[in-house]
Amino acid sequence: MIAGMQPTRPGRPDPRAQAQQAQMAAAMAGAVDLAAVKARSEAAARAQAAPPPSAAAPAGAPGSAVVDVTEATFQAEVLDRSFQVPVVLDLWAEWCGPCKQLSPVLERLAAEGGGSWVLAKVDVDANPALAQGLRVQGIPAVKAVWQGQLVAEFNGAIPEEQARQFVTELVRATTGGAVPGDAGEAPAAEDPRLDAAEAALERGDLAAAEAAYKAILAEEPDHPDAGIALRQVQLFRRAEEAGPDALAAADAAPDDVAAQTRAADFLLGTGNIEAAFDRLLDVIRRTAGEERDQARRHLVELFSVVGDQDPRVAAARRALTTALF
């Protein structure tokens, strides 16, 4: 078994990772300089207990995919919500002509998103403290918030195609399009079929573990645990196959995306998580088109292997969002 990282059955959070995340969250301030903004750890806890956004809720109402936000509701509808899905702030005013062009486009895209992201509309005239705290220089202004942090923005009315690209890349870089499930759902029962796979992992037989997870997915393609466990095992196998020579090969061919992904697999499989993420982020910053998308897809796959409970994933997702804009 490769040292430094062990596959874990999803649904069993690592207390050490949770403690690290809580310490990191408690040490960071909110996204904007407002007295009402509380610690990110408290926001994350509230978001975990809150129902997910719903495209079926009336537009403008709390919990909707399109919500009107005031200074009083900014904490709950923007900061707290951003720990579930990315939130796009639309800062507008009634007298603003370009705002009337952009806002309907964003509202339509949010409805199409089905709750995968939330559009939070802020009337800057009615909420001057918010506008000041968000350092709004002119409107329309659009700012994206993820896990309590501002991660992307643009100013002025833009064509629908560009607006769609903005939200598409934002969702890909954060949640990948997943819509959070109902926090009130009962946890899934233990599955004895996982025991054989985990026994294979304990004896270091990655091939047998991969076969066991594949067998489960063949019977139940939507199994809640086997899919991510299979991705973890496949990562370990790729890391073993790549070997330490993968790093030298990647350094010798910086423009070879396949070589960079192999090196990232080796780094992740040996526990060098941040180095794996940084290598692919560098590729994304230096490339364009299909090569950039190949690196992005591989990085998002590695996020799923490590798990969103790891604070290093949250940091890398923010870096990915910045790199894409």
C-alpha atoms as a PDB file:
ATOM      1  CA  MET A   1       0.000   0.000   0.000  1.00  0.00           C
ATOM      2  CA  ILE A   2       1.282   3.453  -0.847  1.00  0.00           C
ATOM      3  CA  ALA A   3       2.171   5.391   2.268  1.00  0.00           C
ATOM      4  CA  GLY A   4       0.698   8.713   3.256  1.00  0.00           C
ATOM      5  CA  MET A   5      -2.900   8.280   2.168  1.00  0.00           C
ATOM      6  CA  GLN A   6      -5.397   5.535   2.933  1.00  0.00           C
ATOM      7  CA  PRO A   7      -8.742   4.928   1.223  1.00  0.00           C
ATOM      8  CA  THR A   8     -11.585   5.475   3.646  1.00  0.00           C
ATOM      9  CA  ARG A   9     -15.178   4.466   3.441  1.00  0.00           C
ATOM     10  CA  PRO A  10     -17.186   7.612   2.593  1.00  0.00           C
ATOM     11  CA  GLY A  11     -19.526   8.684   5.354  1.00  0.00           C
ATOM     12  CA  ARG A  12     -16.900   8.064   8.049  1.00  0.00           C
ATOM     13  CA  PRO A  13     -15.319  11.521   8.486  1.00  0.00           C
ATOM     14  CA  ASP A  14     -11.745  11.681   9.687  1.00  0.00           C
ATOM     15  CA  PRO A  15     -11.781  13.516  13.069  1.00  0.00           C
ATOM     16  CA  ARG A  16      -8.287  14.875  12.411  1.00  0.00           C
ATOM     17  CA  ALA A  17      -9.360  16.352   9.083  1.00  0.00           C
ATOM     18  CA  GLN A  18     -12.468  17.823  10.722  1.00  0.00           C
ATOM     19  CA  ALA A  19     -10.355  19.400  13.461  1.00  0.00           C
ATOM     20  CA  GLN A  20      -7.938  20.861  10.926  1.00  0.00           C
ATOM     21  CA  GLN A  21     -10.859  22.257   8.934  1.00  0.00           C
ATOM     22  CA  ALA A  22     -12.458  23.747  12.049  1.00  0.00           C
ATOM     23  CA  GLN A  23      -9.197  25.392  13.110  1.00  0.00           C
ATOM     24  CA  MET A  24      -8.691  26.796   9.630  1.00  0.00           C
ATOM     25  CA  ALA A  25     -12.277  28.058   9.472  1.00  0.00           C
ATOM     26  CA  ALA A  26     -12.150  29.650  12.911  1.00  0.00           C
ATOM     27  CA  ALA A  27      -8.953  31.476  12.022  1.00  0.00           C
ATOM     28  CA  MET A  28     -10.406  33.110   8.925  1.00  0.00           C
ATOM     29  CA  ALA A  29     -12.742  36.081   8.784  1.00  0.00           C
ATOM     30  CA  GLY A  30     -15.812  36.299   6.565  1.00  0.00           C
ATOM     31  CA  ALA A  31     -15.844  37.256   2.929  1.00  0.00           C
ATOM     32  CA  VAL A  32     -16.545  40.971   3.427  1.00  0.00           C
ATOM     33  CA  ASP A  33     -15.792  43.524   6.112  1.00  0.00           C
ATOM     34  CA  LEU A  34     -19.146  43.618   7.894  1.00  0.00           C
ATOM     35  CA  ALA A  35     -19.693  43.521  11.637  1.00  0.00           C
ATOM     36  CA  ALA A  36     -22.472  40.958  11.168  1.00  0.00           C
ATOM     37  CA  VAL A  37     -20.179  38.441   9.504  1.00  0.00           C
ATOM     38  CA  LYS A  38     -19.344  35.619  11.903  1.00  0.00           C
ATOM     39  CA  ALA A  39     -16.650  32.968  11.813  1.00  0.00           C
ATOM     40  CA  ARG A  40     -16.577  30.700   8.778  1.00  0.00           C
ATOM     41  CA  SER A  41     -16.810  27.643  11.015  1.00  0.00           C
ATOM     42  CA  GLU A  42     -20.188  28.789  12.344  1.00  0.00           C
ATOM     43  CA  ALA A  43     -21.388  29.502   8.812  1.00  0.00           C
ATOM     44  CA  ALA A  44     -20.355  26.024   7.694  1.00  0.00           C
ATOM     45  CA  ALA A  45     -22.228  24.443  10.593  1.00  0.00           C
ATOM     46  CA  ARG A  46     -25.409  26.386   9.797  1.00  0.00           C
ATOM     47  CA  ALA A  47     -25.150  25.513   6.110  1.00  0.00           C
ATOM     48  CA  GLN A  48     -24.812  21.830   6.936  1.00  0.00           C
ATOM     49  CA  ALA A  49     -28.083  21.944   8.872  1.00  0.00           C
ATOM     50  CA  ALA A  50     -29.976  24.061   6.319  1.00  0.00           C
ATOM     51  CA  PRO A  51     -32.055  22.630   3.463  1.00  0.00           C
ATOM     52  CA  PRO A  52     -30.460  22.977   0.016  1.00  0.00           C
ATOM     53  CA  PRO A  53     -31.546  25.692  -2.427  1.00  0.00           C
ATOM     54  CA  SER A  54     -34.528  24.808  -4.565  1.00  0.00           C
ATOM     55  CA  ALA A  55     -35.336  25.912  -8.083  1.00  0.00           C
ATOM     56  CA  ALA A  56     -38.972  25.207  -7.230  1.00  0.00           C
ATOM     57  CA  ALA A  57     -39.125  27.883  -4.524  1.00  0.00           C
ATOM     58  CA  PRO A  58     -40.616  31.243  -5.585  1.00  0.00           C
ATOM     59  CA  ALA A  59     -37.976  33.528  -7.096  1.00  0.00           C
ATOM     60  CA  GLY A  60     -36.743  36.066  -4.579  1.00  0.00           C
ATOM     61  CA  ALA A  61     -37.755  34.010  -1.547  1.00  0.00           C
ATOM     62  CA  PRO A  62     -35.235  32.563   0.937  1.00  0.00           C
ATOM     63  CA  GLY A  63     -34.002  29.171  -0.201  1.00  0.00           C
ATOM     64  CA  SER A  64     -34.698  29.880  -3.866  1.00  0.00           C
ATOM     65  CA  ALA A  65     -32.171  29.597  -6.700  1.00  0.00           C
ATOM     66  CA  VAL A  66     -32.783  33.352  -7.131  1.00  0.00           C
ATOM     67  CA  VAL A  67     -33.024  35.305  -3.891  1.00  0.00           C
ATOM     68  CA  ASP A  68     -33.295  38.987  -2.978  1.00  0.00           C
ATOM     69  CA  VAL A  69     -30.690  39.772  -0.328  1.00  0.00           C
ATOM     70  CA  THR A  70     -30.563  42.565   2.234  1.00  0.00           C
ATOM     71  CA  GLU A  71     -28.059  43.481   4.916  1.00  0.00           C
ATOM     72  CA  ALA A  72     -30.168  41.454   7.356  1.00  0.00           C
ATOM     73  CA  THR A  73     -30.196  38.292   5.234  1.00  0.00           C
ATOM     74  CA  PHE A  74     -26.702  38.475   3.709  1.00  0.00           C
ATOM     75  CA  GLN A  75     -25.188  36.172   6.340  1.00  0.00           C
ATOM     76  CA  ALA A  76     -27.737  33.382   5.837  1.00  0.00           C
ATOM     77  CA  GLU A  77     -28.438  33.671   2.111  1.00  0.00           C
ATOM     78  CA  VAL A  78     -24.891  34.396   0.904  1.00  0.00           C
ATOM     79  CA  LEU A  79     -22.159  33.467   3.384  1.00  0.00           C
ATOM     80  CA  ASP A  80     -23.854  30.458   4.976  1.00  0.00           C
ATOM     81  CA  ARG A  81     -25.304  29.270   1.659  1.00  0.00           C
ATOM     82  CA  SER A  82     -21.889  29.456   0.000  1.00  0.00           C
ATOM     83  CA  PHE A  83     -20.823  26.454   2.076  1.00  0.00           C
ATOM     84  CA  GLN A  84     -23.421  24.410   0.161  1.00  0.00           C
ATOM     85  CA  VAL A  85     -23.202  25.824  -3.359  1.00  0.00           C
ATOM     86  CA  PRO A  86     -21.474  28.788  -5.006  1.00  0.00           C
ATOM     87  CA  VAL A  87     -23.396  32.066  -4.681  1.00  0.00           C
ATOM     88  CA  VAL A  88     -23.297  34.705  -7.418  1.00  0.00           C
ATOM     89  CA  LEU A  89     -23.990  38.243  -6.229  1.00  0.00           C
ATOM     90  CA  ASP A  90     -25.807  40.537  -8.673  1.00  0.00           C
ATOM     91  CA  LEU A  91     -25.330  44.115  -7.431  1.00  0.00           C
ATOM     92  CA  TRP A  92     -27.833  46.406  -9.158  1.00  0.00           C
ATOM     93  CA  ALA A  93     -30.024  49.497  -8.811  1.00  0.00           C
ATOM     94  CA  GLU A  94     -33.351  50.517 -10.298  1.00  0.00           C
ATOM     95  CA  TRP A  95     -31.842  53.446 -12.223  1.00  0.00           C
ATOM     96  CA  CYS A  96     -29.137  51.300 -13.837  1.00  0.00           C
ATOM     97  CA  GLY A  97     -29.918  50.526 -17.492  1.00  0.00           C
ATOM     98  CA  PRO A  98     -27.191  47.866 -18.024  1.00  0.00           C
ATOM     99  CA  CYS A  99     -28.393  46.132 -14.849  1.00  0.00           C
ATOM    100  CA  LYS A 100     -31.776  45.600 -16.487  1.00  0.00           C
ATOM    101  CA  GLN A 101     -30.007  43.835 -19.358  1.00  0.00           C
ATOM    102  CA  LEU A 102     -27.803  41.580 -17.235  1.00  0.00           C
ATOM    103  CA  SER A 103     -30.108  40.643 -14.352  1.00  0.00           C
ATOM    104  CA  PRO A 104     -32.721  38.733 -16.417  1.00  0.00           C
ATOM    105  CA  VAL A 105     -29.908  36.734 -18.042  1.00  0.00           C
ATOM    106  CA  LEU A 106     -28.482  35.736 -14.661  1.00  0.00           C
ATOM    107  CA  GLU A 107     -31.932  34.890 -13.312  1.00  0.00           C
ATOM    108  CA  ARG A 108     -32.618  32.615 -16.282  1.00  0.00           C
ATOM    109  CA  LEU A 109     -29.255  30.857 -15.880  1.00  0.00           C
ATOM    110  CA  ALA A 110     -29.866  30.349 -12.148  1.00  0.00           C
ATOM    111  CA  ALA A 111     -33.245  28.760 -12.848  1.00  0.00           C
ATOM    112  CA  GLU A 112     -31.590  26.462 -15.391  1.00  0.00           C
ATOM    113  CA  GLY A 113     -29.000  25.540 -12.756  1.00  0.00           C
ATOM    114  CA  GLY A 114     -31.637  23.778 -10.696  1.00  0.00           C
ATOM    115  CA  GLY A 115     -30.094  24.681  -7.347  1.00  0.00           C
ATOM    116  CA  SER A 116     -26.460  23.947  -8.308  1.00  0.00           C
ATOM    117  CA  TRP A 117     -25.734  27.642  -7.631  1.00  0.00           C
ATOM    118  CA  VAL A 118     -27.644  30.580  -6.203  1.00  0.00           C
ATOM    119  CA  LEU A 119     -28.121  34.075  -7.605  1.00  0.00           C
ATOM    120  CA  ALA A 120     -28.272  36.608  -4.766  1.00  0.00           C
ATOM    121  CA  LYS A 121     -29.602  40.007  -5.916  1.00  0.00           C
ATOM    122  CA  VAL A 122     -28.528  43.073  -3.936  1.00  0.00           C
ATOM    123  CA  ASP A 123     -30.089  46.511  -4.476  1.00  0.00           C
ATOM    124  CA  VAL A 124     -27.103  48.746  -3.709  1.00  0.00           C
ATOM    125  CA  ASP A 125     -29.290  51.804  -3.022  1.00  0.00           C
ATOM    126  CA  ALA A 126     -31.309  49.935  -0.392  1.00  0.00           C
ATOM    127  CA  ASN A 127     -28.210  48.230   1.079  1.00  0.00           C
ATOM    128  CA  PRO A 128     -25.374  50.780   1.089  1.00  0.00           C
ATOM    129  CA  ALA A 129     -23.404  49.003   3.836  1.00  0.00           C
ATOM    130  CA  LEU A 130     -23.262  45.858   1.706  1.00  0.00           C
ATOM    131  CA  ALA A 131     -22.132  47.819  -1.321  1.00  0.00           C
ATOM    132  CA  GLN A 132     -19.412  49.483   0.749  1.00  0.00           C
ATOM    133  CA  GLY A 133     -18.302  46.229   2.374  1.00  0.00           C
ATOM    134  CA  LEU A 134     -18.086  44.533  -1.024  1.00  0.00           C
ATOM    135  CA  ARG A 135     -16.118  47.500  -2.401  1.00  0.00           C
ATOM    136  CA  VAL A 136     -18.511  48.091  -5.273  1.00  0.00           C
ATOM    137  CA  GLN A 137     -17.046  50.718  -7.644  1.00  0.00           C
ATOM    138  CA  GLY A 138     -19.772  50.607 -10.281  1.00  0.00           C
ATOM    139  CA  ILE A 139     -22.795  48.567 -11.329  1.00  0.00           C
ATOM    140  CA  PRO A 140     -23.748  46.123 -12.569  1.00  0.00           C
ATOM    141  CA  ALA A 141     -21.167  44.229 -10.557  1.00  0.00           C
ATOM    142  CA  VAL A 142     -21.112  40.447 -10.233  1.00  0.00           C
ATOM    143  CA  LYS A 143     -19.121  38.667  -7.522  1.00  0.00           C
ATOM    144  CA  ALA A 144     -18.923  34.924  -6.821  1.00  0.00           C
ATOM    145  CA  VAL A 145     -18.702  33.614  -3.250  1.00  0.00           C
ATOM    146  CA  TRP A 146     -17.608  30.090  -2.317  1.00  0.00           C
ATOM    147  CA  GLN A 147     -17.142  28.878   1.274  1.00  0.00           C
ATOM    148  CA  GLY A 148     -17.310  32.425   2.572  1.00  0.00           C
ATOM    149  CA  GLN A 149     -14.679  33.801   0.209  1.00  0.00           C
ATOM    150  CA  LEU A 150     -14.875  36.011  -2.867  1.00  0.00           C
ATOM    151  CA  VAL A 151     -13.417  33.862  -5.647  1.00  0.00           C
ATOM    152  CA  ALA A 152     -14.296  35.591  -8.956  1.00  0.00           C
ATOM    153  CA  GLU A 153     -15.971  38.732 -10.270  1.00  0.00           C
ATOM    154  CA  PHE A 154     -16.688  40.907 -13.292  1.00  0.00           C
ATOM    155  CA  ASN A 155     -18.151  44.361 -13.892  1.00  0.00           C
ATOM    156  CA  GLY A 156     -20.588  45.625 -16.494  1.00  0.00           C
ATOM    157  CA  ALA A 157     -23.215  43.916 -18.634  1.00  0.00           C
ATOM    158  CA  ILE A 158     -21.824  41.035 -20.699  1.00  0.00           C
ATOM    159  CA  PRO A 159     -23.419  38.827 -23.397  1.00  0.00           C
ATOM    160  CA  GLU A 160     -25.377  35.773 -22.258  1.00  0.00           C
ATOM    161  CA  GLU A 161     -22.749  33.412 -23.676  1.00  0.00           C
ATOM    162  CA  GLN A 162     -20.042  34.962 -21.492  1.00  0.00           C
ATOM    163  CA  ALA A 163     -22.313  34.972 -18.436  1.00  0.00           C
ATOM    164  CA  ARG A 164     -23.087  31.292 -19.002  1.00  0.00           C
ATOM    165  CA  GLN A 165     -19.365  30.520 -19.275  1.00  0.00           C
ATOM    166  CA  PHE A 166     -18.716  32.401 -16.022  1.00  0.00           C
ATOM    167  CA  VAL A 167     -21.228  30.397 -13.996  1.00  0.00           C
ATOM    168  CA  THR A 168     -20.357  27.117 -15.732  1.00  0.00           C
ATOM    169  CA  GLU A 169     -16.670  27.442 -14.878  1.00  0.00           C
ATOM    170  CA  LEU A 170     -17.542  28.575 -11.344  1.00  0.00           C
ATOM    171  CA  VAL A 171     -19.669  25.493 -10.705  1.00  0.00           C
ATOM    172  CA  ARG A 172     -17.099  23.166 -12.277  1.00  0.00           C
ATOM    173  CA  ALA A 173     -14.330  24.589 -10.117  1.00  0.00           C
ATOM    174  CA  THR A 174     -16.321  24.357  -6.872  1.00  0.00           C
ATOM    175  CA  THR A 175     -18.936  21.608  -6.605  1.00  0.00           C
ATOM    176  CA  GLY A 176     -18.752  20.139 -10.095  1.00  0.00           C
ATOM    177  CA  GLY A 177     -22.503  20.710 -10.430  1.00  0.00           C
ATOM    178  CA  ALA A 178     -23.600  18.588  -7.485  1.00  0.00           C
ATOM    179  CA  VAL A 179     -26.781  19.711  -5.718  1.00  0.00           C
ATOM    180  CA  PRO A 180     -26.617  19.137  -1.942  1.00  0.00           C
ATOM    181  CA  GLY A 181     -29.003  16.552  -0.583  1.00  0.00           C
ATOM    182  CA  ASP A 182     -31.534  17.116   2.160  1.00  0.00           C
ATOM    183  CA  ALA A 183     -29.690  17.379   5.480  1.00  0.00           C
ATOM    184  CA  GLY A 184     -32.599  15.568   7.126  1.00  0.00           C
ATOM    185  CA  GLU A 185     -32.130  12.333   5.207  1.00  0.00           C
ATOM    186  CA  ALA A 186     -31.221   9.277   7.262  1.00  0.00           C
ATOM    187  CA  PRO A 187     -27.658   8.021   6.859  1.00  0.00           C
ATOM    188  CA  ALA A 188     -27.172   5.028   4.612  1.00  0.00           C
ATOM    189  CA  ALA A 189     -26.870   1.626   6.271  1.00  0.00           C
ATOM    190  CA  GLU A 190     -23.573  -0.255   6.298  1.00  0.00           C
ATOM    191  CA  ASP A 191     -23.080  -2.408   3.209  1.00  0.00           C
ATOM    192  CA  PRO A 192     -21.437  -5.798   3.884  1.00  0.00           C
ATOM    193  CA  ARG A 193     -20.307  -5.984   0.248  1.00  0.00           C
ATOM    194  CA  LEU A 194     -17.715  -3.321   1.070  1.00  0.00           C
ATOM    195  CA  ASP A 195     -16.000  -5.627   3.563  1.00  0.00           C
ATOM    196  CA  ALA A 196     -14.328  -7.749   0.875  1.00  0.00           C
ATOM    197  CA  ALA A 197     -12.910  -4.663  -0.817  1.00  0.00           C
ATOM    198  CA  GLU A 198     -11.631  -3.258   2.461  1.00  0.00           C
ATOM    199  CA  ALA A 199     -10.076  -6.608   3.376  1.00  0.00           C
ATOM    200  CA  ALA A 200      -8.187  -6.512   0.070  1.00  0.00           C
ATOM    201  CA  LEU A 201      -6.969  -3.013   0.869  1.00  0.00           C
ATOM    202  CA  GLU A 202      -5.730  -4.125   4.272  1.00  0.00           C
ATOM    203  CA  ARG A 203      -3.545  -6.803   2.676  1.00  0.00           C
ATOM    204  CA  GLY A 204      -2.337  -4.373   0.000  1.00  0.00           C
ATOM    205  CA  ASP A 205      -4.076  -6.079  -2.935  1.00  0.00           C
ATOM    206  CA  LEU A 206      -5.203  -3.058  -4.970  1.00  0.00           C
ATOM    207  CA  ALA A 207      -6.273  -5.159  -7.964  1.00  0.00           C
ATOM    208  CA  ALA A 208      -8.625  -7.252  -5.812  1.00  0.00           C
ATOM    209  CA  ALA A 209     -10.030  -4.153  -4.143  1.00  0.00           C
ATOM    210  CA  GLU A 210     -10.673  -2.525  -7.524  1.00  0.00           C
ATOM    211  CA  ALA A 211     -12.422  -5.682  -8.749  1.00  0.00           C
ATOM    212  CA  ALA A 212     -14.596  -5.790  -5.620  1.00  0.00           C
ATOM    213  CA  TYR A 213     -15.713  -2.170  -5.989  1.00  0.00           C
ATOM    214  CA  LYS A 214     -16.408  -2.675  -9.686  1.00  0.00           C
ATOM    215  CA  ALA A 215     -18.549  -5.709  -8.857  1.00  0.00           C
ATOM    216  CA  ILE A 216     -20.630  -3.616  -6.459  1.00  0.00           C
ATOM    217  CA  LEU A 217     -21.092  -0.880  -9.076  1.00  0.00           C
ATOM    218  CA  ALA A 218     -22.074  -3.445 -11.701  1.00  0.00           C
ATOM    219  CA  GLU A 219     -24.978  -4.445  -9.460  1.00  0.00           C
ATOM    220  CA  GLU A 220     -25.705  -0.937  -8.189  1.00  0.00           C
ATOM    221  CA  PRO A 221     -24.285   1.825 -10.421  1.00  0.00           C
ATOM    222  CA  ASP A 222     -25.414   4.578  -8.030  1.00  0.00           C
ATOM    223  CA  HIS A 223     -23.941   3.007  -4.893  1.00  0.00           C
ATOM    224  CA  PRO A 224     -23.166   5.918  -2.526  1.00  0.00           C
ATOM    225  CA  ASP A 225     -19.766   4.625  -1.360  1.00  0.00           C
ATOM    226  CA  ALA A 226     -18.291   2.293  -3.984  1.00  0.00           C
ATOM    227  CA  GLY A 227     -17.839   4.977  -6.638  1.00  0.00           C
ATOM    228  CA  ILE A 228     -15.534   7.237  -4.650  1.00  0.00           C
ATOM    229  CA  ALA A 229     -13.709   4.261  -3.127  1.00  0.00           C
ATOM    230  CA  LEU A 230     -13.064   2.922  -6.635  1.00  0.00           C
ATOM    231  CA  ARG A 231     -11.633   6.283  -7.701  1.00  0.00           C
ATOM    232  CA  GLN A 232      -9.320   6.213  -4.692  1.00  0.00           C
ATOM    233  CA  VAL A 233      -8.052   2.723  -5.474  1.00  0.00           C
ATOM    234  CA  GLN A 234      -7.581   3.550  -9.151  1.00  0.00           C
ATOM    235  CA  LEU A 235      -5.558   6.589  -8.132  1.00  0.00           C
ATOM    236  CA  PHE A 236      -3.305   4.416  -5.980  1.00  0.00           C
ATOM    237  CA  ARG A 237      -2.804   1.988  -8.851  1.00  0.00           C
ATOM    238  CA  ARG A 238      -1.941   4.820 -11.253  1.00  0.00           C
ATOM    239  CA  ALA A 239       0.494   6.219  -8.705  1.00  0.00           C
ATOM    240  CA  GLU A 240       2.224   2.867  -8.345  1.00  0.00           C
ATOM    241  CA  GLU A 241       2.454   2.457 -12.113  1.00  0.00           C
ATOM    242  CA  ALA A 242       3.823   5.979 -12.579  1.00  0.00           C
ATOM    243  CA  GLY A 243       6.520   5.527  -9.953  1.00  0.00           C
ATOM    244  CA  PRO A 244       8.996   8.165  -8.778  1.00  0.00           C
ATOM    245  CA  ASP A 245      10.371   8.523 -12.323  1.00  0.00           C
ATOM    246  CA  ALA A 246       7.126  10.310 -13.189  1.00  0.00           C
ATOM    247  CA  LEU A 247       8.358  13.478 -11.482  1.00  0.00           C
ATOM    248  CA  ALA A 248      11.574  13.674 -13.483  1.00  0.00           C
ATOM    249  CA  ALA A 249       9.698  12.915 -16.707  1.00  0.00           C
ATOM    250  CA  ALA A 250       7.171  15.681 -16.006  1.00  0.00           C
ATOM    251  CA  ASP A 251       9.873  18.201 -15.118  1.00  0.00           C
ATOM    252  CA  ALA A 252      11.651  17.386 -18.386  1.00  0.00           C
ATOM    253  CA  ALA A 253       8.450  17.908 -20.411  1.00  0.00           C
ATOM    254  CA  PRO A 254       6.522  20.790 -18.795  1.00  0.00           C
ATOM    255  CA  ASP A 255       4.155  21.125 -21.775  1.00  0.00           C
ATOM    256  CA  ASP A 256       3.178  17.428 -21.761  1.00  0.00           C
ATOM    257  CA  VAL A 257      -0.162  17.430 -19.923  1.00  0.00           C
ATOM    258  CA  ALA A 258      -0.281  13.629 -19.695  1.00  0.00           C
ATOM    259  CA  ALA A 259       3.135  13.622 -18.026  1.00  0.00           C
ATOM    260  CA  GLN A 260       1.958  16.268 -15.558  1.00  0.00           C
ATOM    261  CA  THR A 261      -1.156  14.272 -14.646  1.00  0.00           C
ATOM    262  CA  ARG A 262       0.952  11.153 -14.049  1.00  0.00           C
ATOM    263  CA  ALA A 263       3.248  13.157 -11.787  1.00  0.00           C
ATOM    264  CA  ALA A 264       0.243  14.564  -9.922  1.00  0.00           C
ATOM    265  CA  ASP A 265      -1.110  11.032  -9.435  1.00  0.00           C
ATOM    266  CA  PHE A 266       2.222   9.906  -7.988  1.00  0.00           C
ATOM    267  CA  LEU A 267       2.382  12.901  -5.659  1.00  0.00           C
ATOM    268  CA  LEU A 268      -1.163  12.409  -4.422  1.00  0.00           C
ATOM    269  CA  GLY A 269      -0.693   8.670  -3.975  1.00  0.00           C
ATOM    270  CA  THR A 270       2.350   9.285  -1.794  1.00  0.00           C
ATOM    271  CA  GLY A 271       0.557  11.836   0.369  1.00  0.00           C
ATOM    272  CA  ASN A 272       1.923  15.038  -1.228  1.00  0.00           C
ATOM    273  CA  ILE A 273      -1.556  16.438  -1.741  1.00  0.00           C
ATOM    274  CA  GLU A 274      -0.742  20.141  -2.044  1.00  0.00           C
ATOM    275  CA  ALA A 275       2.140  19.435  -4.445  1.00  0.00           C
ATOM    276  CA  ALA A 276      -0.192  17.363  -6.650  1.00  0.00           C
ATOM    277  CA  PHE A 277      -2.781  20.139  -6.744  1.00  0.00           C
ATOM    278  CA  ASP A 278      -0.166  22.849  -7.362  1.00  0.00           C
ATOM    279  CA  ARG A 279       1.335  20.954 -10.302  1.00  0.00           C
ATOM    280  CA  LEU A 280      -2.004  20.782 -12.119  1.00  0.00           C
ATOM    281  CA  LEU A 281      -2.909  24.361 -11.208  1.00  0.00           C
ATOM    282  CA  ASP A 282       0.344  25.474 -12.844  1.00  0.00           C
ATOM    283  CA  VAL A 283      -0.632  23.568 -16.002  1.00  0.00           C
ATOM    284  CA  ILE A 284      -4.073  25.211 -16.028  1.00  0.00           C
ATOM    285  CA  ARG A 285      -2.528  28.670 -15.706  1.00  0.00           C
ATOM    286  CA  ARG A 286      -0.095  28.031 -18.595  1.00  0.00           C
ATOM    287  CA  THR A 287      -2.387  26.295 -21.096  1.00  0.00           C
ATOM    288  CA  ALA A 288      -5.618  26.878 -23.005  1.00  0.00           C
ATOM    289  CA  GLY A 289      -8.250  24.935 -24.896  1.00  0.00           C
ATOM    290  CA  GLU A 290      -8.350  21.140 -24.668  1.00  0.00           C
ATOM    291  CA  GLU A 291      -5.064  20.867 -22.768  1.00  0.00           C
ATOM    292  CA  ARG A 292      -6.327  23.224 -20.088  1.00  0.00           C
ATOM    293  CA  ASP A 293      -9.624  21.352 -19.859  1.00  0.00           C
ATOM    294  CA  GLN A 294      -7.798  18.016 -19.590  1.00  0.00           C
ATOM    295  CA  ALA A 295      -5.782  19.316 -16.645  1.00  0.00           C
ATOM    296  CA  ARG A 296      -8.903  20.827 -15.052  1.00  0.00           C
ATOM    297  CA  ARG A 297     -10.851  17.565 -15.327  1.00  0.00           C
ATOM    298  CA  HIS A 298      -7.993  15.614 -13.783  1.00  0.00           C
ATOM    299  CA  LEU A 299      -7.645  18.098 -10.934  1.00  0.00           C
ATOM    300  CA  VAL A 300     -11.373  17.907 -10.168  1.00  0.00           C
ATOM    301  CA  GLU A 301     -11.074  14.114 -10.147  1.00  0.00           C
ATOM    302  CA  LEU A 302      -8.272  14.368  -7.594  1.00  0.00           C
ATOM    303  CA  PHE A 303     -10.500  16.637  -5.483  1.00  0.00           C
ATOM    304  CA  SER A 304     -13.079  13.831  -5.381  1.00  0.00           C
ATOM    305  CA  VAL A 305     -10.408  11.341  -4.315  1.00  0.00           C
ATOM    306  CA  VAL A 306      -9.242  13.471  -1.386  1.00  0.00           C
ATOM    307  CA  GLY A 307     -12.723  14.642  -0.390  1.00  0.00           C
ATOM    308  CA  ASP A 308     -14.231  18.064   0.268  1.00  0.00           C
ATOM    309  CA  GLN A 309     -13.739  17.640   4.031  1.00  0.00           C
ATOM    310  CA  ASP A 310     -10.026  18.268   3.512  1.00  0.00           C
ATOM    311  CA  PRO A 311      -9.203  22.014   3.791  1.00  0.00           C
ATOM    312  CA  ARG A 312      -6.539  21.618   1.102  1.00  0.00           C
ATOM    313  CA  VAL A 313      -9.286  20.812  -1.395  1.00  0.00           C
ATOM    314  CA  ALA A 314     -11.179  23.989  -0.502  1.00  0.00           C
ATOM    315  CA  ALA A 315      -8.026  26.065  -0.956  1.00  0.00           C
ATOM    316  CA  ALA A 316      -7.234  24.432  -4.296  1.00  0.00           C
ATOM    317  CA  ARG A 317     -10.801  24.913  -5.530  1.00  0.00           C
ATOM    318  CA  ARG A 318     -10.484  28.634  -4.847  1.00  0.00           C
ATOM    319  CA  ALA A 319      -7.155  28.698  -6.683  1.00  0.00           C
ATOM    320  CA  LEU A 320      -8.753  26.840  -9.600  1.00  0.00           C
ATOM    321  CA  THR A 321     -11.580  29.357  -9.802  1.00  0.00           C
ATOM    322  CA  THR A 322      -9.064  32.210  -9.889  1.00  0.00           C
ATOM    323  CA  ALA A 323      -6.975  30.454 -12.547  1.00  0.00           C
ATOM    324  CA  LEU A 324      -9.964  29.981 -14.827  1.00  0.00           C
ATOM    325  CA  PHE A 325     -10.844  33.683 -14.990  1.00  0.00           C
END
